[in-house]
Amino acid sequence: MSEGEQRKEKRVAFERPIEARLMAIDGTWQRACKIHDVSELGAKLIINGAVTDIGQKEFFLVLSPVGLAYRHCELSWVNGEFVGVQFLNRGIASKRARRGETLVK
């Protein structure tokens, strides 16, 4: 059973993965990725090439071309071209969701 199959929270899988980018916390690097599926707690991403060159455990998942929508992430697992990330600062997102606000910063 893979990491993604062990999850218990409700996930949304996309028919076509959504284009996104990974970006270093300090902005020194960016890398294209695709969002395979997502939940309130994290996401499964598709990354072309070696994941080892990311070099950091924490980074931003940038959801919009201008960087206005993003999530602070921590790398959870790697399985070939797939990586799992968990969203940090989830408490804030959960409170916003209960109030009907957006989950994306």
N, C-alpha and C. Protein backbone atom coordinates (compact mmCIF):
# COMPACT_ATOMS: atom_id res chain seq x y z
N MET A 1 0.85 -1.18 0.00
CA MET A 1 0.00 0.00 0.00
C MET A 1 0.89 1.23 0.00
N SER A 2 0.67 2.17 -0.91
CA SER A 2 1.49 3.37 -0.98
C SER A 2 1.02 4.38 0.06
N GLU A 3 1.85 5.40 0.26
CA GLU A 3 1.52 6.45 1.22
C GLU A 3 0.16 7.07 0.92
N GLY A 4 -0.10 7.36 -0.35
CA GLY A 4 -1.35 8.00 -0.73
C GLY A 4 -2.56 7.17 -0.39
N GLU A 5 -2.43 5.85 -0.44
CA GLU A 5 -3.56 4.97 -0.17
C GLU A 5 -3.83 4.82 1.32
N GLN A 6 -2.90 5.22 2.17
CA GLN A 6 -3.07 5.09 3.61
C GLN A 6 -3.84 6.26 4.21
N ARG A 7 -4.05 7.30 3.46
CA ARG A 7 -4.69 8.50 3.97
C ARG A 7 -6.15 8.27 4.23
N LYS A 8 -6.65 8.91 5.30
CA LYS A 8 -8.04 8.74 5.68
C LYS A 8 -8.89 9.97 5.35
N GLU A 9 -8.26 11.15 5.18
CA GLU A 9 -9.04 12.35 4.92
C GLU A 9 -9.58 12.34 3.49
N LYS A 10 -10.67 13.05 3.28
CA LYS A 10 -11.29 13.13 1.96
C LYS A 10 -10.36 13.85 1.00
N ARG A 11 -10.11 13.24 -0.15
CA ARG A 11 -9.22 13.81 -1.15
C ARG A 11 -9.99 14.08 -2.43
N VAL A 12 -9.55 15.09 -3.15
CA VAL A 12 -10.11 15.40 -4.45
C VAL A 12 -9.04 15.09 -5.49
N ALA A 13 -9.33 14.13 -6.37
CA ALA A 13 -8.41 13.79 -7.46
C ALA A 13 -8.87 14.51 -8.71
N PHE A 14 -7.93 15.04 -9.46
CA PHE A 14 -8.24 15.78 -10.67
C PHE A 14 -8.15 14.87 -11.89
N GLU A 15 -9.09 15.01 -12.81
CA GLU A 15 -9.05 14.23 -14.04
C GLU A 15 -7.76 14.51 -14.80
N ARG A 16 -7.41 15.78 -14.88
CA ARG A 16 -6.13 16.21 -15.44
C ARG A 16 -5.39 16.95 -14.33
N PRO A 17 -4.17 16.53 -14.02
CA PRO A 17 -3.43 17.22 -12.94
C PRO A 17 -3.32 18.72 -13.20
N ILE A 18 -3.38 19.48 -12.13
CA ILE A 18 -3.36 20.95 -12.18
C ILE A 18 -1.91 21.44 -12.15
N GLU A 19 -1.56 22.33 -13.08
CA GLU A 19 -0.22 22.93 -13.14
C GLU A 19 0.01 23.80 -11.91
N ALA A 20 1.21 23.68 -11.32
CA ALA A 20 1.59 24.49 -10.17
C ALA A 20 3.11 24.60 -10.16
N ARG A 21 3.66 25.22 -9.13
CA ARG A 21 5.11 25.34 -8.99
C ARG A 21 5.50 25.16 -7.53
N LEU A 22 6.68 24.60 -7.34
CA LEU A 22 7.29 24.57 -6.01
C LEU A 22 8.25 25.75 -5.97
N MET A 23 8.34 26.41 -4.82
CA MET A 23 9.26 27.53 -4.69
C MET A 23 9.92 27.49 -3.32
N ALA A 24 11.22 27.73 -3.28
CA ALA A 24 11.95 27.78 -2.03
C ALA A 24 11.37 28.86 -1.13
N ILE A 25 11.46 28.64 0.18
CA ILE A 25 10.98 29.62 1.15
C ILE A 25 11.64 30.98 0.92
N ASP A 26 12.95 30.97 0.56
CA ASP A 26 13.67 32.22 0.34
C ASP A 26 13.60 32.70 -1.11
N GLY A 27 12.85 31.98 -1.97
CA GLY A 27 12.66 32.40 -3.35
C GLY A 27 13.84 32.11 -4.28
N THR A 28 14.83 31.34 -3.83
CA THR A 28 16.03 31.12 -4.63
C THR A 28 15.84 30.10 -5.75
N TRP A 29 14.80 29.29 -5.71
CA TRP A 29 14.55 28.32 -6.79
C TRP A 29 13.05 28.10 -6.95
N GLN A 30 12.69 27.68 -8.13
CA GLN A 30 11.31 27.28 -8.45
C GLN A 30 11.37 26.04 -9.31
N ARG A 31 10.31 25.26 -9.28
CA ARG A 31 10.26 24.04 -10.07
C ARG A 31 8.82 23.75 -10.43
N ALA A 32 8.59 23.38 -11.70
CA ALA A 32 7.24 23.05 -12.15
C ALA A 32 6.80 21.73 -11.54
N CYS A 33 5.51 21.63 -11.25
CA CYS A 33 4.93 20.38 -10.76
C CYS A 33 3.46 20.38 -11.17
N LYS A 34 2.80 19.26 -10.90
CA LYS A 34 1.36 19.15 -11.14
C LYS A 34 0.73 18.57 -9.89
N ILE A 35 -0.46 19.04 -9.56
CA ILE A 35 -1.19 18.55 -8.40
C ILE A 35 -2.06 17.39 -8.87
N HIS A 36 -1.79 16.19 -8.36
CA HIS A 36 -2.53 14.98 -8.71
C HIS A 36 -3.83 14.91 -7.92
N ASP A 37 -3.72 15.10 -6.60
CA ASP A 37 -4.91 15.15 -5.74
C ASP A 37 -4.58 16.00 -4.52
N VAL A 38 -5.64 16.42 -3.82
CA VAL A 38 -5.46 17.35 -2.71
C VAL A 38 -6.52 17.09 -1.64
N SER A 39 -6.16 17.40 -0.40
CA SER A 39 -7.11 17.37 0.70
C SER A 39 -6.85 18.61 1.55
N GLU A 40 -7.58 18.75 2.62
CA GLU A 40 -7.35 19.89 3.51
C GLU A 40 -5.96 19.80 4.16
N LEU A 41 -5.45 18.58 4.34
CA LEU A 41 -4.18 18.38 5.05
C LEU A 41 -2.95 18.34 4.17
N GLY A 42 -3.11 18.03 2.87
CA GLY A 42 -1.94 17.92 2.03
C GLY A 42 -2.30 17.61 0.59
N ALA A 43 -1.26 17.22 -0.18
CA ALA A 43 -1.47 16.96 -1.60
C ALA A 43 -0.46 15.93 -2.10
N LYS A 44 -0.83 15.32 -3.22
CA LYS A 44 0.06 14.42 -3.94
C LYS A 44 0.44 15.14 -5.22
N LEU A 45 1.74 15.34 -5.43
CA LEU A 45 2.24 16.09 -6.56
C LEU A 45 2.99 15.19 -7.53
N ILE A 46 3.05 15.59 -8.78
CA ILE A 46 3.84 14.91 -9.80
C ILE A 46 4.98 15.84 -10.17
N ILE A 47 6.22 15.32 -10.06
CA ILE A 47 7.40 16.11 -10.37
C ILE A 47 8.23 15.36 -11.39
N ASN A 48 8.58 16.01 -12.49
CA ASN A 48 9.45 15.40 -13.48
C ASN A 48 10.90 15.52 -13.02
N GLY A 49 11.68 14.47 -13.23
CA GLY A 49 13.09 14.51 -12.87
C GLY A 49 13.30 14.11 -11.42
N ALA A 50 14.54 14.27 -10.97
CA ALA A 50 14.93 13.85 -9.62
C ALA A 50 14.36 14.79 -8.57
N VAL A 51 13.78 14.21 -7.55
CA VAL A 51 13.22 14.99 -6.44
C VAL A 51 14.33 15.42 -5.49
N THR A 52 15.43 14.69 -5.50
CA THR A 52 16.52 14.96 -4.55
C THR A 52 17.13 16.35 -4.72
N ASP A 53 16.99 16.95 -5.90
CA ASP A 53 17.59 18.27 -6.10
C ASP A 53 16.76 19.40 -5.51
N ILE A 54 15.61 19.08 -4.93
CA ILE A 54 14.83 20.11 -4.23
C ILE A 54 15.65 20.62 -3.05
N GLY A 55 16.27 19.70 -2.30
CA GLY A 55 17.22 20.08 -1.26
C GLY A 55 16.63 20.66 0.01
N GLN A 56 15.35 20.88 0.09
CA GLN A 56 14.74 21.43 1.29
C GLN A 56 13.49 20.65 1.62
N LYS A 57 13.23 20.53 2.91
CA LYS A 57 12.03 19.81 3.35
C LYS A 57 10.79 20.72 3.34
N GLU A 58 11.00 22.02 3.51
CA GLU A 58 9.89 22.97 3.49
C GLU A 58 10.00 23.88 2.28
N PHE A 59 8.86 24.18 1.68
CA PHE A 59 8.81 25.04 0.50
C PHE A 59 7.37 25.50 0.32
N PHE A 60 7.16 26.33 -0.68
CA PHE A 60 5.81 26.79 -1.01
C PHE A 60 5.31 26.05 -2.24
N LEU A 61 4.04 25.69 -2.22
CA LEU A 61 3.34 25.19 -3.40
C LEU A 61 2.58 26.39 -3.94
N VAL A 62 3.03 26.92 -5.08
CA VAL A 62 2.45 28.13 -5.66
C VAL A 62 1.37 27.70 -6.66
N LEU A 63 0.16 28.18 -6.43
CA LEU A 63 -0.99 27.74 -7.19
C LEU A 63 -1.41 28.69 -8.30
N SER A 64 -0.88 29.91 -8.29
CA SER A 64 -1.26 30.87 -9.31
C SER A 64 -0.01 31.41 -10.01
N PRO A 65 -0.13 31.80 -11.26
CA PRO A 65 1.04 32.29 -12.01
C PRO A 65 1.69 33.52 -11.39
N VAL A 66 0.94 34.33 -10.67
CA VAL A 66 1.51 35.54 -10.07
C VAL A 66 1.86 35.34 -8.60
N GLY A 67 1.69 34.14 -8.08
CA GLY A 67 2.13 33.83 -6.72
C GLY A 67 1.20 34.30 -5.62
N LEU A 68 -0.02 34.71 -5.94
CA LEU A 68 -0.92 35.20 -4.91
C LEU A 68 -1.64 34.08 -4.15
N ALA A 69 -1.65 32.89 -4.71
CA ALA A 69 -2.27 31.74 -4.05
C ALA A 69 -1.19 30.69 -3.83
N TYR A 70 -0.94 30.36 -2.57
CA TYR A 70 0.12 29.41 -2.26
C TYR A 70 -0.16 28.72 -0.94
N ARG A 71 0.54 27.62 -0.69
CA ARG A 71 0.48 26.90 0.59
C ARG A 71 1.89 26.60 1.04
N HIS A 72 2.15 26.78 2.31
CA HIS A 72 3.42 26.42 2.94
C HIS A 72 3.38 24.91 3.15
N CYS A 73 4.37 24.18 2.60
CA CYS A 73 4.34 22.71 2.61
C CYS A 73 5.59 22.12 3.24
N GLU A 74 5.43 20.87 3.66
CA GLU A 74 6.55 20.07 4.13
C GLU A 74 6.52 18.76 3.35
N LEU A 75 7.67 18.34 2.83
CA LEU A 75 7.77 17.08 2.10
C LEU A 75 7.52 15.93 3.05
N SER A 76 6.59 15.03 2.69
CA SER A 76 6.24 13.89 3.54
C SER A 76 6.82 12.59 3.03
N TRP A 77 6.73 12.36 1.71
CA TRP A 77 7.21 11.10 1.13
C TRP A 77 7.51 11.29 -0.35
N VAL A 78 8.32 10.37 -0.87
CA VAL A 78 8.68 10.37 -2.29
C VAL A 78 8.50 8.96 -2.82
N ASN A 79 7.85 8.83 -3.97
CA ASN A 79 7.66 7.53 -4.62
C ASN A 79 7.76 7.75 -6.12
N GLY A 80 8.98 7.64 -6.66
CA GLY A 80 9.19 7.89 -8.09
C GLY A 80 8.95 9.34 -8.41
N GLU A 81 8.06 9.58 -9.40
CA GLU A 81 7.75 10.96 -9.79
C GLU A 81 6.72 11.61 -8.87
N PHE A 82 6.13 10.83 -7.97
CA PHE A 82 5.12 11.36 -7.04
C PHE A 82 5.76 11.76 -5.72
N VAL A 83 5.30 12.86 -5.16
CA VAL A 83 5.70 13.27 -3.81
C VAL A 83 4.45 13.64 -3.03
N GLY A 84 4.50 13.39 -1.75
CA GLY A 84 3.42 13.80 -0.87
C GLY A 84 3.87 14.97 -0.04
N VAL A 85 3.02 15.95 0.10
CA VAL A 85 3.31 17.10 0.94
C VAL A 85 2.18 17.27 1.94
N GLN A 86 2.54 17.75 3.12
CA GLN A 86 1.51 18.12 4.07
C GLN A 86 1.56 19.63 4.21
N PHE A 87 0.39 20.22 4.35
CA PHE A 87 0.29 21.66 4.48
C PHE A 87 0.59 22.07 5.91
N LEU A 88 1.43 23.08 6.06
CA LEU A 88 1.74 23.63 7.38
C LEU A 88 0.77 24.77 7.66
N ASN A 89 0.63 25.13 8.91
CA ASN A 89 -0.32 26.18 9.32
C ASN A 89 -1.75 25.81 8.98
N ARG A 90 -2.06 24.51 9.09
CA ARG A 90 -3.40 24.03 8.75
C ARG A 90 -4.46 24.58 9.69
N GLY A 91 -4.10 24.88 10.92
CA GLY A 91 -5.08 25.39 11.87
C GLY A 91 -5.76 26.64 11.35
N ILE A 92 -4.99 27.51 10.71
CA ILE A 92 -5.54 28.74 10.15
C ILE A 92 -6.51 28.40 9.03
N ALA A 93 -6.11 27.47 8.15
CA ALA A 93 -6.98 27.08 7.03
C ALA A 93 -8.27 26.45 7.54
N SER A 94 -8.17 25.62 8.58
CA SER A 94 -9.36 24.97 9.12
C SER A 94 -10.33 25.98 9.70
N LYS A 95 -9.81 26.99 10.39
CA LYS A 95 -10.67 28.03 10.95
C LYS A 95 -11.36 28.81 9.83
N ARG A 96 -10.60 29.12 8.76
CA ARG A 96 -11.19 29.84 7.63
C ARG A 96 -12.28 29.02 6.97
N ALA A 97 -12.03 27.72 6.83
CA ALA A 97 -13.02 26.83 6.17
C ALA A 97 -14.32 26.83 6.96
N ARG A 98 -14.22 26.79 8.29
CA ARG A 98 -15.43 26.78 9.11
C ARG A 98 -16.20 28.09 8.98
N ARG A 99 -15.47 29.19 8.72
CA ARG A 99 -16.12 30.49 8.56
C ARG A 99 -16.54 30.73 7.12
N GLY A 100 -16.22 29.78 6.21
CA GLY A 100 -16.60 29.93 4.81
C GLY A 100 -15.62 30.72 3.98
N GLU A 101 -14.42 30.99 4.54
CA GLU A 101 -13.39 31.71 3.79
C GLU A 101 -12.59 30.73 2.94
N THR A 102 -11.77 31.27 2.05
CA THR A 102 -10.93 30.45 1.17
C THR A 102 -9.86 29.71 1.96
N LEU A 103 -9.48 28.51 1.49
CA LEU A 103 -8.42 27.73 2.13
C LEU A 103 -7.04 28.13 1.64
N VAL A 104 -6.94 28.79 0.50
CA VAL A 104 -5.65 29.16 -0.08
C VAL A 104 -5.32 30.57 0.34
N LYS A 105 -4.07 30.77 0.77
CA LYS A 105 -3.63 32.12 1.17
C LYS A 105 -3.56 33.01 -0.03
